[in-house]
N, C-alpha and C. Protein backbone atom coordinates (compact mmCIF):
# COMPACT_ATOMS: atom_id res chain seq x y z
N MET A 1 7.94 -1.73 -15.67
CA MET A 1 8.70 -1.81 -14.61
C MET A 1 9.18 -2.81 -13.73
N LEU A 2 9.26 -4.27 -14.94
CA LEU A 2 9.37 -5.16 -14.23
C LEU A 2 11.13 -5.40 -13.69
N ASP A 3 11.40 -6.23 -13.30
CA ASP A 3 12.95 -6.08 -12.53
C ASP A 3 13.63 -6.63 -13.77
N THR A 4 13.26 -7.42 -15.03
CA THR A 4 14.34 -7.69 -15.56
C THR A 4 13.28 -7.58 -17.42
N LEU A 5 13.81 -7.25 -18.17
CA LEU A 5 13.47 -7.47 -19.39
C LEU A 5 13.92 -8.64 -20.71
N HIS A 6 13.69 -9.47 -21.30
CA HIS A 6 14.35 -10.40 -22.20
C HIS A 6 13.61 -10.66 -23.41
N ASP A 7 14.13 -10.58 -24.07
CA ASP A 7 13.19 -10.94 -25.51
C ASP A 7 14.05 -12.04 -25.65
N PRO A 8 13.53 -13.33 -25.81
CA PRO A 8 14.00 -14.71 -26.23
C PRO A 8 14.60 -15.13 -27.16
N SER A 9 14.18 -14.08 -28.82
CA SER A 9 14.59 -13.99 -29.53
C SER A 9 16.09 -12.95 -29.75
N SER A 10 16.16 -12.12 -28.93
CA SER A 10 17.40 -11.92 -28.80
C SER A 10 18.64 -12.41 -28.18
N ARG A 11 20.23 -11.67 -28.74
CA ARG A 11 20.97 -12.19 -28.56
C ARG A 11 21.87 -11.78 -27.32
N GLN A 12 20.84 -10.33 -26.86
CA GLN A 12 21.27 -9.69 -25.88
C GLN A 12 21.01 -10.09 -24.43
N SER A 13 21.64 -9.78 -23.58
CA SER A 13 21.63 -10.24 -22.24
C SER A 13 20.11 -9.34 -21.67
N PRO A 14 20.04 -9.72 -20.52
CA PRO A 14 18.56 -9.43 -20.11
C PRO A 14 19.17 -7.70 -19.35
N VAL A 15 18.03 -6.74 -19.70
CA VAL A 15 18.05 -5.59 -19.00
C VAL A 15 17.78 -5.78 -17.77
N ALA A 16 18.42 -5.31 -16.68
CA ALA A 16 17.57 -5.33 -15.13
C ALA A 16 17.44 -3.55 -15.15
N LEU A 17 16.28 -3.81 -14.54
CA LEU A 17 15.96 -2.43 -14.55
C LEU A 17 15.44 -2.21 -12.90
N SER A 18 15.70 -1.04 -12.64
CA SER A 18 15.18 -1.29 -11.15
C SER A 18 14.37 0.66 -10.90
N TRP A 19 13.91 0.94 -9.76
CA TRP A 19 12.70 1.99 -9.35
C TRP A 19 13.22 2.23 -7.74
N THR A 20 12.98 3.33 -7.92
CA THR A 20 13.11 3.77 -6.12
C THR A 20 11.81 5.00 -6.03
N GLY A 21 10.95 4.42 -5.10
CA GLY A 21 9.87 5.44 -5.08
C GLY A 21 10.25 6.38 -3.18
N VAL A 22 9.40 6.64 -2.85
CA VAL A 22 9.40 7.45 -1.76
C VAL A 22 8.01 7.56 -1.02
N VAL A 23 8.14 7.42 0.38
CA VAL A 23 6.91 7.01 1.28
C VAL A 23 6.37 8.79 1.56
N ARG A 24 5.27 9.07 1.46
CA ARG A 24 4.76 10.17 1.08
C ARG A 24 3.93 10.42 2.50
N TYR A 25 3.16 9.43 2.39
CA TYR A 25 2.02 9.75 4.23
C TYR A 25 2.01 8.64 4.61
N LEU A 26 1.66 8.38 5.99
CA LEU A 26 1.81 7.30 7.11
C LEU A 26 0.24 7.48 7.66
N HIS A 27 -0.30 6.29 7.85
CA HIS A 27 -1.64 6.35 8.44
C HIS A 27 -1.97 5.16 9.35
N ILE A 28 -2.50 5.05 10.14
CA ILE A 28 -3.09 3.62 11.12
C ILE A 28 -4.42 4.21 11.54
N THR A 29 -5.03 3.10 11.24
CA THR A 29 -6.78 2.75 12.13
C THR A 29 -6.90 2.51 13.36
N PRO A 30 -7.32 3.04 14.54
CA PRO A 30 -6.94 2.40 15.80
C PRO A 30 -8.58 1.48 15.61
N ARG A 31 -9.48 2.02 15.32
CA ARG A 31 -10.57 0.90 15.25
C ARG A 31 -11.34 1.08 13.69
N ALA A 32 -12.03 -0.04 13.31
CA ALA A 32 -12.97 0.39 12.05
C ALA A 32 -13.67 1.22 12.17
N PHE A 33 -13.80 2.04 11.33
CA PHE A 33 -14.74 3.13 10.83
C PHE A 33 -14.32 4.29 11.72
N LEU A 34 -13.16 4.38 12.55
CA LEU A 34 -12.60 5.57 12.95
C LEU A 34 -12.10 6.27 12.09
N PRO A 35 -11.90 7.82 11.99
CA PRO A 35 -11.03 8.34 11.15
C PRO A 35 -9.33 7.73 10.84
N MET A 36 -8.26 7.49 9.86
CA MET A 36 -7.37 7.51 9.76
C MET A 36 -6.25 8.25 10.24
N ARG A 37 -5.18 7.80 11.27
CA ARG A 37 -4.83 8.58 12.08
C ARG A 37 -3.20 8.84 11.25
N ALA A 38 -2.84 10.47 10.74
CA ALA A 38 -1.41 10.69 10.43
C ALA A 38 -0.33 10.14 11.48
N MET A 39 0.85 9.62 10.88
CA MET A 39 1.58 9.45 11.82
C MET A 39 3.08 9.83 11.01
N PRO A 40 4.22 10.16 11.83
CA PRO A 40 5.18 10.59 11.43
C PRO A 40 5.92 9.20 10.73
N GLU A 41 5.66 8.41 11.41
CA GLU A 41 6.64 7.11 11.55
C GLU A 41 5.32 5.88 11.62
N LEU A 42 6.16 4.76 11.43
CA LEU A 42 5.43 3.34 11.59
C LEU A 42 6.16 2.60 11.77
N ARG A 43 5.49 1.38 12.93
CA ARG A 43 6.84 0.29 13.18
C ARG A 43 6.02 -0.80 12.91
N LEU A 44 6.52 -1.46 11.95
CA LEU A 44 5.99 -2.70 11.32
C LEU A 44 6.54 -3.85 11.98
N VAL A 45 5.64 -4.78 12.47
CA VAL A 45 6.47 -5.82 13.31
C VAL A 45 6.34 -7.16 12.53
N GLU A 46 7.33 -8.09 12.13
CA GLU A 46 7.05 -9.12 11.36
C GLU A 46 5.92 -10.25 11.95
N GLY A 47 5.32 -10.53 10.97
CA GLY A 47 4.08 -11.36 11.13
C GLY A 47 2.90 -10.66 11.93
N LYS A 48 3.11 -9.94 12.12
CA LYS A 48 2.19 -9.10 13.07
C LYS A 48 1.25 -8.06 12.91
N GLY A 49 2.02 -6.90 12.08
CA GLY A 49 1.30 -6.30 11.70
C GLY A 49 1.84 -4.68 12.23
N ILE A 50 1.00 -3.26 12.13
CA ILE A 50 1.74 -1.95 12.51
C ILE A 50 1.32 -1.67 13.80
N GLU A 51 2.17 -1.52 14.58
CA GLU A 51 1.74 -0.97 16.06
C GLU A 51 0.76 -0.17 16.00
N GLY A 52 -0.07 -0.14 16.76
CA GLY A 52 -1.22 0.70 17.22
C GLY A 52 -2.43 0.85 16.09
N ASP A 53 -2.26 -0.21 15.53
CA ASP A 53 -3.21 -0.25 14.21
C ASP A 53 -4.09 -1.68 14.80
N ARG A 54 -5.57 -1.07 14.00
CA ARG A 54 -6.43 -2.45 14.15
C ARG A 54 -6.13 -3.66 14.14
N TYR A 55 -5.87 -3.89 12.89
CA TYR A 55 -5.32 -5.54 12.80
C TYR A 55 -4.31 -6.25 13.49
N MET A 56 -3.31 -4.80 14.42
CA MET A 56 -2.92 -6.09 14.67
C MET A 56 -3.28 -6.11 16.31
N ILE A 57 -4.43 -5.42 16.93
CA ILE A 57 -5.08 -5.48 18.26
C ILE A 57 -5.53 -6.57 18.30
N GLY A 58 -5.98 -7.20 17.20
CA GLY A 58 -6.43 -8.95 17.00
C GLY A 58 -7.68 -9.22 17.72
N ARG A 59 -8.31 -8.06 17.58
CA ARG A 59 -9.85 -8.39 18.54
C ARG A 59 -10.71 -7.29 17.33
N GLU A 60 -10.50 -6.75 16.70
CA GLU A 60 -11.44 -5.67 16.20
C GLU A 60 -12.75 -6.29 15.83
N GLU A 61 -13.56 -5.68 15.53
CA GLU A 61 -15.12 -6.22 14.58
C GLU A 61 -15.13 -5.35 13.51
N GLY A 62 -15.74 -5.86 12.68
CA GLY A 62 -16.10 -4.99 11.46
C GLY A 62 -16.10 -5.94 10.46
N PHE A 63 -15.72 -4.80 8.69
CA PHE A 63 -15.77 -5.33 7.42
C PHE A 63 -14.25 -5.94 7.47
N TYR A 64 -13.91 -7.28 6.92
CA TYR A 64 -13.04 -7.76 6.95
C TYR A 64 -12.30 -8.36 8.08
N SER A 65 -12.89 -8.34 9.25
CA SER A 65 -12.09 -8.60 10.75
C SER A 65 -12.19 -9.91 10.59
N HIS A 66 -12.76 -10.62 9.81
CA HIS A 66 -13.01 -12.43 10.30
C HIS A 66 -12.03 -12.92 9.55
N LYS A 67 -11.85 -12.32 8.66
CA LYS A 67 -10.65 -13.00 7.38
C LYS A 67 -8.87 -12.97 7.69
N PRO A 68 -8.04 -13.72 7.71
CA PRO A 68 -7.10 -14.26 8.53
C PRO A 68 -6.05 -12.79 7.74
N GLU A 69 -5.22 -12.50 8.51
CA GLU A 69 -4.16 -11.25 8.64
C GLU A 69 -3.36 -11.60 7.76
N GLU A 70 -2.93 -12.59 7.23
CA GLU A 70 -1.47 -12.85 6.20
C GLU A 70 -1.86 -12.34 4.99
N GLY A 71 -0.86 -11.46 4.98
CA GLY A 71 -1.06 -11.06 3.94
C GLY A 71 -1.46 -9.07 3.89
N ARG A 72 -2.20 -9.08 4.51
CA ARG A 72 -2.94 -8.02 4.67
C ARG A 72 -2.33 -6.80 5.84
N GLN A 73 -1.48 -6.70 6.40
CA GLN A 73 -0.90 -6.37 7.74
C GLN A 73 -0.31 -4.90 7.04
N VAL A 74 -0.04 -4.96 5.63
CA VAL A 74 0.18 -3.42 5.23
C VAL A 74 -0.09 -3.10 3.87
N THR A 75 -0.92 -1.93 3.99
CA THR A 75 -1.66 -1.22 2.19
C THR A 75 -0.79 -0.45 2.03
N LEU A 76 -0.41 -0.22 0.59
CA LEU A 76 0.26 0.65 0.06
C LEU A 76 -0.77 1.46 -0.97
N PHE A 77 -0.73 2.34 -0.94
CA PHE A 77 -1.29 3.13 -1.82
C PHE A 77 -0.67 4.36 -2.87
N GLU A 78 -1.07 4.40 -4.44
CA GLU A 78 0.29 5.69 -4.95
C GLU A 78 -0.99 6.96 -5.45
N LEU A 79 0.38 7.88 -4.85
CA LEU A 79 0.24 9.29 -4.80
C LEU A 79 -0.57 9.70 -6.11
N GLU A 80 -0.30 8.82 -7.24
CA GLU A 80 -0.25 9.20 -8.65
C GLU A 80 -1.98 8.95 -8.45
N THR A 81 -2.46 8.14 -7.41
CA THR A 81 -3.82 8.12 -8.05
C THR A 81 -4.52 8.93 -7.26
N LEU A 82 -4.10 9.58 -6.35
CA LEU A 82 -5.18 10.96 -6.12
C LEU A 82 -4.90 11.85 -6.96
N VAL A 83 -3.64 12.09 -7.62
CA VAL A 83 -3.40 12.85 -8.62
C VAL A 83 -4.73 12.58 -10.09
N ALA A 84 -4.73 11.36 -9.92
CA ALA A 84 -5.35 10.87 -11.27
C ALA A 84 -6.70 10.79 -10.80
N LEU A 85 -7.53 11.25 -9.85
CA LEU A 85 -9.02 10.99 -9.55
C LEU A 85 -9.21 12.59 -9.38
N LYS A 86 -8.17 13.12 -9.04
CA LYS A 86 -8.71 15.02 -9.03
C LYS A 86 -8.87 15.09 -10.63
N ARG A 87 -7.89 14.78 -11.74
CA ARG A 87 -7.86 15.04 -13.08
C ARG A 87 -8.69 14.51 -13.70
N ASP A 88 -8.87 13.17 -13.71
CA ASP A 88 -10.14 12.19 -14.26
C ASP A 88 -11.44 11.94 -13.76
N ALA A 89 -11.84 12.52 -12.66
CA ALA A 89 -12.81 12.42 -12.23
C ALA A 89 -13.52 13.54 -11.40
N ASN A 90 -12.67 14.64 -10.86
CA ASN A 90 -13.17 15.68 -10.39
C ASN A 90 -13.20 15.48 -8.68
N ILE A 91 -12.53 14.32 -8.13
CA ILE A 91 -12.70 14.10 -6.71
C ILE A 91 -11.45 14.49 -6.05
N GLU A 92 -11.67 15.03 -5.34
CA GLU A 92 -10.16 15.32 -4.35
C GLU A 92 -10.33 14.20 -2.80
N LEU A 93 -9.57 13.47 -3.01
CA LEU A 93 -9.29 12.34 -2.09
C LEU A 93 -8.08 12.93 -1.00
N GLY A 94 -8.24 13.04 0.48
CA GLY A 94 -6.85 12.96 1.51
C GLY A 94 -6.37 11.71 1.53
N PRO A 95 -5.07 11.93 1.65
CA PRO A 95 -4.34 10.30 2.01
C PRO A 95 -4.71 9.77 2.91
N GLU A 96 -5.39 10.46 3.90
CA GLU A 96 -6.10 9.61 4.85
C GLU A 96 -7.53 8.85 4.23
N GLU A 97 -8.18 9.02 3.48
CA GLU A 97 -9.48 8.71 2.75
C GLU A 97 -9.61 6.96 2.22
N HIS A 98 -8.38 7.09 1.43
CA HIS A 98 -8.41 6.06 0.94
C HIS A 98 -8.20 4.30 1.89
N ARG A 99 -8.12 4.65 2.94
CA ARG A 99 -7.75 3.71 3.84
C ARG A 99 -6.36 2.82 3.92
N ARG A 100 -6.06 3.30 3.43
CA ARG A 100 -4.63 2.61 3.36
C ARG A 100 -3.52 2.85 4.28
N ASN A 101 -2.57 2.19 4.57
CA ASN A 101 -1.53 3.18 5.59
C ASN A 101 -0.33 3.78 5.31
N VAL A 102 -0.09 3.11 3.77
CA VAL A 102 0.86 3.96 3.47
C VAL A 102 0.96 4.40 1.98
N THR A 103 0.99 5.88 1.85
CA THR A 103 0.93 6.29 0.57
C THR A 103 2.27 6.46 0.16
N VAL A 104 2.71 6.35 -0.98
CA VAL A 104 3.95 6.54 -1.49
C VAL A 104 3.65 7.14 -3.27
N GLU A 105 5.13 7.30 -3.34
CA GLU A 105 5.10 8.20 -4.64
C GLU A 105 6.41 7.28 -5.56
N GLY A 106 5.99 7.01 -7.12
CA GLY A 106 7.00 6.71 -7.86
C GLY A 106 7.15 4.87 -7.64
N VAL A 107 6.39 4.24 -7.03
CA VAL A 107 6.21 2.61 -7.08
C VAL A 107 5.58 2.41 -7.91
N PRO A 108 5.76 1.25 -8.52
CA PRO A 108 4.61 0.74 -9.52
C PRO A 108 3.98 -0.48 -8.86
N LEU A 109 3.47 0.09 -8.00
CA LEU A 109 2.65 -1.13 -7.40
C LEU A 109 1.79 -2.01 -7.97
N THR A 110 1.28 -2.28 -9.24
CA THR A 110 0.67 -3.47 -10.07
C THR A 110 1.76 -4.13 -10.42
N HIS A 111 2.92 -3.98 -10.18
CA HIS A 111 3.97 -4.67 -10.83
C HIS A 111 4.60 -5.54 -9.64
N LEU A 112 4.55 -5.19 -8.49
CA LEU A 112 4.82 -6.02 -7.48
C LEU A 112 4.38 -7.20 -6.76
N VAL A 113 2.91 -7.65 -6.95
CA VAL A 113 2.35 -8.42 -6.49
C VAL A 113 3.51 -10.28 -6.71
N GLY A 114 3.79 -11.20 -5.92
CA GLY A 114 4.33 -11.56 -5.71
C GLY A 114 6.30 -11.24 -5.65
N ARG A 115 6.33 -10.03 -5.41
CA ARG A 115 8.01 -9.44 -5.15
C ARG A 115 7.67 -9.41 -4.10
N GLN A 116 9.12 -8.91 -3.67
CA GLN A 116 9.91 -8.39 -2.27
C GLN A 116 10.37 -6.97 -2.59
N PHE A 117 9.98 -6.13 -1.50
CA PHE A 117 10.83 -5.10 -1.49
C PHE A 117 11.09 -3.99 -0.35
N TRP A 118 11.27 -3.22 0.08
CA TRP A 118 12.03 -2.52 1.29
C TRP A 118 11.39 -1.43 1.27
N LEU A 119 10.32 -1.59 2.22
CA LEU A 119 9.76 -0.12 2.98
C LEU A 119 10.85 0.44 4.12
N GLY A 120 11.17 1.68 3.85
CA GLY A 120 12.50 2.00 4.33
C GLY A 120 12.91 0.84 5.28
N GLU A 121 12.83 0.79 6.77
CA GLU A 121 13.84 -0.51 7.19
C GLU A 121 13.15 -1.80 7.21
N ALA A 122 11.70 -2.02 6.69
CA ALA A 122 11.22 -3.01 6.41
C ALA A 122 11.43 -4.27 4.92
N LEU A 123 11.28 -4.90 5.28
CA LEU A 123 11.09 -6.02 3.77
C LEU A 123 9.69 -6.54 4.00
N LEU A 124 9.15 -6.39 2.91
CA LEU A 124 7.56 -6.47 2.60
C LEU A 124 7.53 -7.52 1.32
N GLU A 125 6.68 -8.36 1.07
CA GLU A 125 7.00 -9.01 0.00
C GLU A 125 5.20 -8.34 -0.25
N ALA A 126 4.46 -8.35 -1.69
CA ALA A 126 3.40 -8.27 -1.90
C ALA A 126 2.58 -9.11 -2.31
N THR A 127 1.28 -9.27 -1.37
CA THR A 127 0.74 -10.85 -1.88
C THR A 127 -0.33 -10.56 -2.58
N ARG A 128 -0.90 -9.04 -2.87
CA ARG A 128 -2.28 -8.91 -3.87
C ARG A 128 -2.68 -7.52 -3.71
N LEU A 129 -3.44 -7.30 -4.80
CA LEU A 129 -3.44 -5.78 -4.86
C LEU A 129 -4.89 -5.66 -4.06
N SER A 130 -4.85 -4.37 -3.84
CA SER A 130 -6.22 -4.23 -2.46
C SER A 130 -7.10 -3.50 -3.45
N ILE A 131 -8.42 -4.08 -3.75
CA ILE A 131 -9.60 -3.42 -4.35
C ILE A 131 -10.36 -2.58 -3.45
N PRO A 132 -10.65 -1.52 -3.84
CA PRO A 132 -11.24 -0.69 -2.28
C PRO A 132 -12.95 -1.33 -2.36
N CYS A 133 -13.35 -1.67 -1.42
CA CYS A 133 -14.84 -1.90 -1.37
C CYS A 133 -15.82 -0.90 -1.38
N ARG A 134 -17.14 -0.93 -1.00
CA ARG A 134 -17.96 -0.28 -1.61
C ARG A 134 -18.36 0.46 -0.18
N HIS A 135 -18.01 0.03 0.78
CA HIS A 135 -18.11 0.80 2.20
C HIS A 135 -17.31 2.24 2.45
N ILE A 136 -16.21 2.35 1.62
CA ILE A 136 -15.47 3.72 1.32
C ILE A 136 -16.50 5.03 1.33
N GLU A 137 -17.22 4.69 0.09
CA GLU A 137 -18.49 5.83 -0.05
C GLU A 137 -18.97 5.84 1.33
N ASP A 138 -19.22 5.39 1.95
CA ASP A 138 -19.92 5.58 3.60
C ASP A 138 -19.36 6.25 4.36
N ILE A 139 -17.70 6.01 4.28
CA ILE A 139 -16.91 6.38 5.63
C ILE A 139 -16.47 7.76 4.85
N THR A 140 -16.06 8.31 3.31
CA THR A 140 -16.00 9.24 3.43
C THR A 140 -17.03 10.36 2.78
N GLY A 141 -17.90 9.44 2.43
CA GLY A 141 -19.08 10.29 2.05
C GLY A 141 -18.99 10.97 0.42
N LYS A 142 -17.88 10.02 0.03
CA LYS A 142 -17.47 10.93 -1.76
C LYS A 142 -18.02 9.44 -2.19
N ALA A 143 -18.64 9.62 -3.65
CA ALA A 143 -18.73 8.75 -4.64
C ALA A 143 -17.75 8.31 -5.46
N ILE A 144 -16.52 7.36 -4.66
CA ILE A 144 -15.17 7.35 -5.46
C ILE A 144 -15.29 5.94 -5.57
N PHE A 145 -16.09 4.91 -5.13
CA PHE A 145 -15.81 3.31 -5.59
C PHE A 145 -15.67 3.33 -6.85
N ASP A 146 -16.43 3.68 -7.82
CA ASP A 146 -16.50 3.65 -9.07
C ASP A 146 -15.01 3.80 -9.82
N PRO A 147 -14.43 5.30 -9.65
CA PRO A 147 -13.46 5.52 -10.08
C PRO A 147 -12.32 5.53 -9.31
N LEU A 148 -12.21 4.19 -8.47
CA LEU A 148 -11.35 3.58 -7.95
C LEU A 148 -10.90 2.21 -8.14
N ILE A 149 -11.83 1.75 -8.22
CA ILE A 149 -12.38 0.48 -8.88
C ILE A 149 -10.79 -0.63 -9.97
N ASN A 150 -10.72 -0.01 -10.27
CA ASN A 150 -9.27 0.19 -11.29
C ASN A 150 -7.90 0.99 -11.00
N ARG A 151 -7.90 1.56 -9.54
CA ARG A 151 -6.57 2.26 -9.10
C ARG A 151 -6.75 1.35 -8.24
N SER A 152 -5.57 0.25 -7.70
CA SER A 152 -6.01 -0.68 -6.52
C SER A 152 -4.79 0.04 -5.67
N GLY A 153 -5.13 -0.73 -4.75
CA GLY A 153 -3.71 -0.47 -3.52
C GLY A 153 -2.82 -1.98 -3.62
N LEU A 154 -2.26 -2.05 -2.86
CA LEU A 154 -0.85 -3.20 -2.44
C LEU A 154 -1.17 -3.87 -1.28
N ASN A 155 -1.38 -4.89 -1.16
CA ASN A 155 -1.26 -5.66 0.70
C ASN A 155 -0.01 -6.31 0.47
N CYS A 156 0.64 -5.97 1.56
CA CYS A 156 1.90 -6.77 2.04
C CYS A 156 2.02 -7.39 2.95
N ARG A 157 2.57 -8.45 2.90
CA ARG A 157 3.13 -9.45 4.41
C ARG A 157 4.40 -8.83 4.86
N ILE A 158 4.74 -8.65 6.34
CA ILE A 158 6.07 -7.68 6.57
C ILE A 158 7.25 -9.05 6.84
N LEU A 159 8.03 -9.07 5.96
CA LEU A 159 9.07 -9.97 6.11
C LEU A 159 9.99 -10.28 7.42
N GLN A 160 10.43 -9.00 7.55
CA GLN A 160 11.35 -8.26 8.58
C GLN A 160 10.69 -6.93 8.94
N GLY A 161 10.79 -6.64 10.07
CA GLY A 161 10.10 -5.57 10.64
C GLY A 161 11.36 -4.05 10.85
N GLY A 162 10.95 -3.55 11.17
CA GLY A 162 11.50 -2.04 11.03
C GLY A 162 10.37 -0.56 11.26
N THR A 163 11.21 0.30 11.26
CA THR A 163 10.77 1.77 11.30
C THR A 163 10.57 1.92 9.98
N VAL A 164 9.26 2.61 9.75
CA VAL A 164 9.44 3.32 8.52
C VAL A 164 8.93 4.91 8.71
N ARG A 165 9.47 5.86 7.71
CA ARG A 165 9.46 7.48 8.54
C ARG A 165 8.98 7.97 6.81
N VAL A 166 7.71 8.91 6.98
CA VAL A 166 7.52 10.06 5.98
C VAL A 166 8.98 10.37 5.21
N GLY A 167 9.00 9.85 3.93
CA GLY A 167 10.62 10.60 3.12
C GLY A 167 11.45 9.37 3.25
N ASP A 168 11.23 8.08 4.00
CA ASP A 168 12.08 7.00 3.45
C ASP A 168 12.04 6.69 1.94
N ALA A 169 12.74 5.85 1.45
CA ALA A 169 12.90 4.91 0.08
C ALA A 169 12.02 4.01 0.14
N VAL A 170 11.31 3.68 -0.91
CA VAL A 170 10.51 2.44 -1.46
C VAL A 170 11.66 2.05 -2.24
N ARG A 171 12.40 0.80 -1.99
CA ARG A 171 13.38 0.47 -3.42
C ARG A 171 13.10 -1.31 -3.44
N ASN A 172 13.23 -1.38 -4.70
CA ASN A 172 13.49 -3.07 -4.94
C ASN A 172 14.51 -3.78 -4.28
N VAL A 173 13.92 -5.08 -3.96
CA VAL A 173 15.33 -5.88 -3.28
C VAL A 173 16.84 -5.95 -4.21
N ARG A 174 16.60 -6.15 -5.31
CA ARG A 174 17.99 -6.37 -6.54
C ARG A 174 18.41 -4.87 -6.50
């Protein structure tokens, strides 16, 4: 799912590929270790984060609160991973339990690091994969760390703020 495919030995032009996904679930966490709260829409603020989320508040304490928020304001997760966990590990994990803000479907998250894309009205840049932390097992009460370790989320920086709603498109810039 790269933007272009090009075989240097070929005389053909590169082939431009595109993708479009959809937002399935939106969540915020007002404080560390509190349950995530489902939202019909989120307001993303450029350079700051998500309105009402613990990282935007700026005085949160707990896991990872001491790290800079650059690139961590929005985290995405694939609906396909929830399906795979049920199929492969017989683990039912709700969209609020994976501890990411946005659950998307049809989006090639592992191929987006270093790329920009639209999430509803907001423009994001994927900065790195979001590997699960072992304390997720304490939060959910489920043995999910090992099955999740190879199924990452995606950390993103907000380049242009805007509203994101359930059902909005997730699309590449080009």
